Amino acid sequence: MTWGILGQQINLAYAYTLKKRFTETFGQAVSFKSEDYWIYPDPKKVAQTTIEKLVSLGMTVRKAEYLIDISQKIADGNISKSYYQTFASAEKAEKAMVKLRGIGPWTANYVLMRCLRMGDAFPMADIGLLNGIKTIKQLPEKPSPDTLLQLKQEWGNWASYATFYIWRLIY
């Protein structure tokens, strides 16, 4: 969930930069064949940091607040992957997830796709997805919400895979 928060409202290149800084500051390096690999930070460690420390990495105050808050909830066991896996659909899980401060529809769907592997998750407002569909379908403008809903229904439990494929095509 924190990975999704880090990538909110920024371009892909900056998201990678920010995630690298975050992981190398709060995570742990593991060496293998003279190469360092980084383990994602423990939520307890992130929950105990300061807003100023996170802002010094290049994120906004608001994003820092969200990261600390969500990390604390994860560390305390108040939110968990297993809880969201109990929902019958991505749509129902999204409705529960967006009740959390700092989690909107894009972040919820990103988490549902990447972490929970829900095939029917579909970030309908993602600009990259919209531009990709426009290009693939050779539309004169970005697809309408009705067009997106139709595609989501057609793709069913493959909607998240279609999203990843489209992202890969355009990035």
C-alpha atoms as a PDB file:
ATOM      1  CA  MET A   1       0.000   0.000   0.000  1.00  0.00           C
ATOM      2  CA  THR A   2       2.858   2.356   0.794  1.00  0.00           C
ATOM      3  CA  TRP A   3       4.362   1.566  -2.609  1.00  0.00           C
ATOM      4  CA  GLY A   4       1.147   2.808  -4.208  1.00  0.00           C
ATOM      5  CA  ILE A   5       1.165   5.965  -2.095  1.00  0.00           C
ATOM      6  CA  LEU A   6       4.727   6.714  -3.198  1.00  0.00           C
ATOM      7  CA  GLY A   7       3.632   6.610  -6.837  1.00  0.00           C
ATOM      8  CA  GLN A   8       0.555   8.831  -6.468  1.00  0.00           C
ATOM      9  CA  GLN A   9       0.183  11.915  -8.652  1.00  0.00           C
ATOM     10  CA  ILE A  10       3.719  11.859 -10.075  1.00  0.00           C
ATOM     11  CA  ASN A  11       5.253  10.708 -13.337  1.00  0.00           C
ATOM     12  CA  LEU A  12       6.756   7.256 -13.626  1.00  0.00           C
ATOM     13  CA  ALA A  13      10.390   8.398 -13.712  1.00  0.00           C
ATOM     14  CA  TYR A  14      10.021  10.397 -10.502  1.00  0.00           C
ATOM     15  CA  ALA A  15       8.072   7.562  -8.871  1.00  0.00           C
ATOM     16  CA  TYR A  16      11.036   5.234  -9.453  1.00  0.00           C
ATOM     17  CA  THR A  17      13.452   7.837  -8.084  1.00  0.00           C
ATOM     18  CA  LEU A  18      11.346   8.405  -4.977  1.00  0.00           C
ATOM     19  CA  LYS A  19      10.843   4.684  -4.370  1.00  0.00           C
ATOM     20  CA  LYS A  20      14.594   4.088  -4.696  1.00  0.00           C
ATOM     21  CA  ARG A  21      15.411   6.834  -2.181  1.00  0.00           C
ATOM     22  CA  PHE A  22      12.734   5.557   0.206  1.00  0.00           C
ATOM     23  CA  THR A  23      13.853   1.930  -0.007  1.00  0.00           C
ATOM     24  CA  GLU A  24      17.546   2.736   0.338  1.00  0.00           C
ATOM     25  CA  THR A  25      16.888   5.027   3.318  1.00  0.00           C
ATOM     26  CA  PHE A  26      14.536   2.793   5.287  1.00  0.00           C
ATOM     27  CA  GLY A  27      15.084  -0.672   3.823  1.00  0.00           C
ATOM     28  CA  GLN A  28      17.894  -3.136   4.241  1.00  0.00           C
ATOM     29  CA  ALA A  29      20.537  -4.088   1.690  1.00  0.00           C
ATOM     30  CA  VAL A  30      21.275  -7.726   0.997  1.00  0.00           C
ATOM     31  CA  SER A  31      24.363  -8.559  -1.049  1.00  0.00           C
ATOM     32  CA  PHE A  32      24.426 -11.385  -3.549  1.00  0.00           C
ATOM     33  CA  LYS A  33      27.357 -11.962  -5.896  1.00  0.00           C
ATOM     34  CA  SER A  34      28.765  -8.510  -5.098  1.00  0.00           C
ATOM     35  CA  GLU A  35      25.460  -6.824  -5.937  1.00  0.00           C
ATOM     36  CA  ASP A  36      23.200  -5.075  -3.427  1.00  0.00           C
ATOM     37  CA  TYR A  37      19.470  -5.786  -3.442  1.00  0.00           C
ATOM     38  CA  TRP A  38      17.125  -3.804  -1.254  1.00  0.00           C
ATOM     39  CA  ILE A  39      14.452  -5.253   1.008  1.00  0.00           C
ATOM     40  CA  TYR A  40      11.396  -3.044   1.247  1.00  0.00           C
ATOM     41  CA  PRO A  41      11.189  -1.138   4.561  1.00  0.00           C
ATOM     42  CA  ASP A  42       9.453  -2.626   7.564  1.00  0.00           C
ATOM     43  CA  PRO A  43       6.240  -0.691   8.339  1.00  0.00           C
ATOM     44  CA  LYS A  44       7.306  -0.250  11.980  1.00  0.00           C
ATOM     45  CA  LYS A  45      10.442   1.582  10.896  1.00  0.00           C
ATOM     46  CA  VAL A  46       8.500   3.870   8.551  1.00  0.00           C
ATOM     47  CA  ALA A  47       5.849   4.535  11.205  1.00  0.00           C
ATOM     48  CA  GLN A  48       8.558   5.743  13.590  1.00  0.00           C
ATOM     49  CA  THR A  49      10.163   8.211  11.191  1.00  0.00           C
ATOM     50  CA  THR A  50       9.377  11.898  10.898  1.00  0.00           C
ATOM     51  CA  ILE A  51       7.546  13.822   8.223  1.00  0.00           C
ATOM     52  CA  GLU A  52      10.682  15.944   7.786  1.00  0.00           C
ATOM     53  CA  LYS A  53      12.825  12.880   7.043  1.00  0.00           C
ATOM     54  CA  LEU A  54      10.389  11.718   4.346  1.00  0.00           C
ATOM     55  CA  VAL A  55      10.106  15.223   2.882  1.00  0.00           C
ATOM     56  CA  SER A  56      13.916  15.348   2.652  1.00  0.00           C
ATOM     57  CA  LEU A  57      13.661  12.434   0.187  1.00  0.00           C
ATOM     58  CA  GLY A  58      11.598  14.603  -2.147  1.00  0.00           C
ATOM     59  CA  MET A  59       8.015  13.811  -1.255  1.00  0.00           C
ATOM     60  CA  THR A  60       5.275  16.198  -0.213  1.00  0.00           C
ATOM     61  CA  VAL A  61       4.246  16.719   3.393  1.00  0.00           C
ATOM     62  CA  ARG A  62       0.857  15.163   2.638  1.00  0.00           C
ATOM     63  CA  LYS A  63       2.418  12.053   1.080  1.00  0.00           C
ATOM     64  CA  ALA A  64       4.741  11.748   4.089  1.00  0.00           C
ATOM     65  CA  GLU A  65       1.745  11.945   6.437  1.00  0.00           C
ATOM     66  CA  TYR A  66      -0.070   9.242   4.471  1.00  0.00           C
ATOM     67  CA  LEU A  67       2.977   6.947   4.512  1.00  0.00           C
ATOM     68  CA  ILE A  68       3.460   7.264   8.249  1.00  0.00           C
ATOM     69  CA  ASP A  69      -0.255   6.789   8.954  1.00  0.00           C
ATOM     70  CA  ILE A  70      -0.666   3.727   6.718  1.00  0.00           C
ATOM     71  CA  SER A  71       2.611   2.223   7.976  1.00  0.00           C
ATOM     72  CA  GLN A  72       1.396   2.608  11.556  1.00  0.00           C
ATOM     73  CA  LYS A  73      -1.905   0.897  10.710  1.00  0.00           C
ATOM     74  CA  ILE A  74      -0.057  -1.977   9.038  1.00  0.00           C
ATOM     75  CA  ALA A  75       2.406  -2.274  11.945  1.00  0.00           C
ATOM     76  CA  ASP A  76      -0.469  -2.311  14.441  1.00  0.00           C
ATOM     77  CA  GLY A  77      -2.344  -4.954  12.438  1.00  0.00           C
ATOM     78  CA  ASN A  78      -5.285  -2.635  11.773  1.00  0.00           C
ATOM     79  CA  ILE A  79      -5.039  -3.215   8.024  1.00  0.00           C
ATOM     80  CA  SER A  80      -3.719  -6.299   6.284  1.00  0.00           C
ATOM     81  CA  LYS A  81      -3.448  -8.008   2.946  1.00  0.00           C
ATOM     82  CA  SER A  82      -5.550 -10.908   4.204  1.00  0.00           C
ATOM     83  CA  TYR A  83      -8.440  -8.585   5.087  1.00  0.00           C
ATOM     84  CA  TYR A  84      -8.682  -7.191   1.559  1.00  0.00           C
ATOM     85  CA  GLN A  85      -8.398 -10.690   0.096  1.00  0.00           C
ATOM     86  CA  THR A  86     -11.738 -11.554   1.705  1.00  0.00           C
ATOM     87  CA  PHE A  87     -13.644  -9.318  -0.714  1.00  0.00           C
ATOM     88  CA  ALA A  88     -15.400 -11.029  -3.629  1.00  0.00           C
ATOM     89  CA  SER A  89     -14.407  -8.375  -6.147  1.00  0.00           C
ATOM     90  CA  ALA A  90     -11.914  -5.601  -6.688  1.00  0.00           C
ATOM     91  CA  GLU A  91     -14.781  -3.113  -6.689  1.00  0.00           C
ATOM     92  CA  LYS A  92     -15.827  -4.106  -3.154  1.00  0.00           C
ATOM     93  CA  ALA A  93     -12.234  -4.130  -1.905  1.00  0.00           C
ATOM     94  CA  GLU A  94     -11.681  -0.696  -3.476  1.00  0.00           C
ATOM     95  CA  LYS A  95     -14.706   0.726  -1.642  1.00  0.00           C
ATOM     96  CA  ALA A  96     -13.242  -0.474   1.651  1.00  0.00           C
ATOM     97  CA  MET A  97      -9.716   0.668   0.849  1.00  0.00           C
ATOM     98  CA  VAL A  98     -10.600   4.238  -0.157  1.00  0.00           C
ATOM     99  CA  LYS A  99     -11.945   4.814   3.356  1.00  0.00           C
ATOM    100  CA  LEU A 100      -8.308   4.977   4.470  1.00  0.00           C
ATOM    101  CA  ARG A 101      -6.737   8.433   4.590  1.00  0.00           C
ATOM    102  CA  GLY A 102      -4.420   8.821   1.617  1.00  0.00           C
ATOM    103  CA  ILE A 103      -5.926   6.035  -0.462  1.00  0.00           C
ATOM    104  CA  GLY A 104      -7.963   7.066  -3.484  1.00  0.00           C
ATOM    105  CA  PRO A 105      -9.304   4.994  -6.374  1.00  0.00           C
ATOM    106  CA  TRP A 106      -6.004   4.965  -8.296  1.00  0.00           C
ATOM    107  CA  THR A 107      -3.954   3.791  -5.301  1.00  0.00           C
ATOM    108  CA  ALA A 108      -6.579   1.250  -4.291  1.00  0.00           C
ATOM    109  CA  ASN A 109      -6.642  -0.269  -7.772  1.00  0.00           C
ATOM    110  CA  TYR A 110      -2.854  -0.230  -7.997  1.00  0.00           C
ATOM    111  CA  VAL A 111      -2.644  -2.146  -4.699  1.00  0.00           C
ATOM    112  CA  LEU A 112      -5.404  -4.528  -5.776  1.00  0.00           C
ATOM    113  CA  MET A 113      -3.529  -5.276  -8.999  1.00  0.00           C
ATOM    114  CA  ARG A 114       0.051  -5.414  -7.720  1.00  0.00           C
ATOM    115  CA  CYS A 115      -0.268  -6.722  -4.193  1.00  0.00           C
ATOM    116  CA  LEU A 116      -3.546  -8.614  -4.097  1.00  0.00           C
ATOM    117  CA  ARG A 117      -3.441  -9.755  -7.729  1.00  0.00           C
ATOM    118  CA  MET A 118      -7.113  -9.132  -8.303  1.00  0.00           C
ATOM    119  CA  GLY A 119      -7.648  -9.572 -12.007  1.00  0.00           C
ATOM    120  CA  ASP A 120     -10.712  -7.339 -12.142  1.00  0.00           C
ATOM    121  CA  ALA A 121      -8.988  -4.269 -10.676  1.00  0.00           C
ATOM    122  CA  PHE A 122      -8.931  -1.432 -13.203  1.00  0.00           C
ATOM    123  CA  PRO A 123      -7.605   2.096 -12.530  1.00  0.00           C
ATOM    124  CA  MET A 124     -10.032   3.875 -14.848  1.00  0.00           C
ATOM    125  CA  ALA A 125      -8.635   7.361 -14.224  1.00  0.00           C
ATOM    126  CA  ASP A 126      -4.984   6.458 -14.843  1.00  0.00           C
ATOM    127  CA  ILE A 127      -3.640   8.851 -17.461  1.00  0.00           C
ATOM    128  CA  GLY A 128      -1.255   6.281 -18.907  1.00  0.00           C
ATOM    129  CA  LEU A 129      -4.051   3.765 -19.303  1.00  0.00           C
ATOM    130  CA  LEU A 130      -6.280   6.360 -20.957  1.00  0.00           C
ATOM    131  CA  ASN A 131      -3.530   7.417 -23.375  1.00  0.00           C
ATOM    132  CA  GLY A 132      -2.662   3.796 -24.106  1.00  0.00           C
ATOM    133  CA  ILE A 133      -6.250   2.848 -24.917  1.00  0.00           C
ATOM    134  CA  LYS A 134      -6.558   5.937 -27.091  1.00  0.00           C
ATOM    135  CA  THR A 135      -3.460   4.890 -29.039  1.00  0.00           C
ATOM    136  CA  ILE A 136      -4.307   1.187 -29.326  1.00  0.00           C
ATOM    137  CA  LYS A 137      -7.890   1.796 -30.379  1.00  0.00           C
ATOM    138  CA  GLN A 138      -6.889   4.769 -32.559  1.00  0.00           C
ATOM    139  CA  LEU A 139      -9.442   7.003 -30.881  1.00  0.00           C
ATOM    140  CA  PRO A 140      -9.565  10.737 -31.672  1.00  0.00           C
ATOM    141  CA  GLU A 141      -9.581  11.506 -27.935  1.00  0.00           C
ATOM    142  CA  LYS A 142      -9.177   9.716 -24.624  1.00  0.00           C
ATOM    143  CA  PRO A 143     -11.824   7.050 -24.021  1.00  0.00           C
ATOM    144  CA  SER A 144     -15.026   8.054 -22.249  1.00  0.00           C
ATOM    145  CA  PRO A 145     -16.055   6.541 -18.911  1.00  0.00           C
ATOM    146  CA  ASP A 146     -18.662   4.481 -20.796  1.00  0.00           C
ATOM    147  CA  THR A 147     -15.989   3.100 -23.126  1.00  0.00           C
ATOM    148  CA  LEU A 148     -13.798   2.244 -20.134  1.00  0.00           C
ATOM    149  CA  LEU A 149     -16.652   0.449 -18.373  1.00  0.00           C
ATOM    150  CA  GLN A 150     -17.359  -1.524 -21.532  1.00  0.00           C
ATOM    151  CA  LEU A 151     -13.693  -2.536 -21.810  1.00  0.00           C
ATOM    152  CA  LYS A 152     -13.582  -3.482 -18.143  1.00  0.00           C
ATOM    153  CA  GLN A 153     -16.621  -5.717 -18.619  1.00  0.00           C
ATOM    154  CA  GLU A 154     -15.159  -7.279 -21.773  1.00  0.00           C
ATOM    155  CA  TRP A 155     -11.842  -7.956 -20.092  1.00  0.00           C
ATOM    156  CA  GLY A 156     -13.438  -9.243 -16.862  1.00  0.00           C
ATOM    157  CA  ASN A 157     -10.836 -10.849 -14.614  1.00  0.00           C
ATOM    158  CA  TRP A 158      -8.156  -9.909 -17.148  1.00  0.00           C
ATOM    159  CA  ALA A 159      -8.651  -6.134 -16.739  1.00  0.00           C
ATOM    160  CA  SER A 160      -5.599  -5.700 -14.516  1.00  0.00           C
ATOM    161  CA  TYR A 161      -3.449  -7.744 -16.908  1.00  0.00           C
ATOM    162  CA  ALA A 162      -4.678  -5.600 -19.803  1.00  0.00           C
ATOM    163  CA  THR A 163      -3.713  -2.525 -17.767  1.00  0.00           C
ATOM    164  CA  PHE A 164      -0.170  -3.806 -17.183  1.00  0.00           C
ATOM    165  CA  TYR A 165       0.161  -4.677 -20.853  1.00  0.00           C
ATOM    166  CA  ILE A 166      -1.011  -1.212 -21.921  1.00  0.00           C
ATOM    167  CA  TRP A 167       1.328   0.459 -19.417  1.00  0.00           C
ATOM    168  CA  ARG A 168       4.195  -1.617 -20.781  1.00  0.00           C
ATOM    169  CA  LEU A 169       3.364  -0.573 -24.324  1.00  0.00           C
ATOM    170  CA  ILE A 170       3.466   3.130 -23.537  1.00  0.00           C
ATOM    171  CA  TYR A 171       6.336   3.311 -21.022  1.00  0.00           C
END
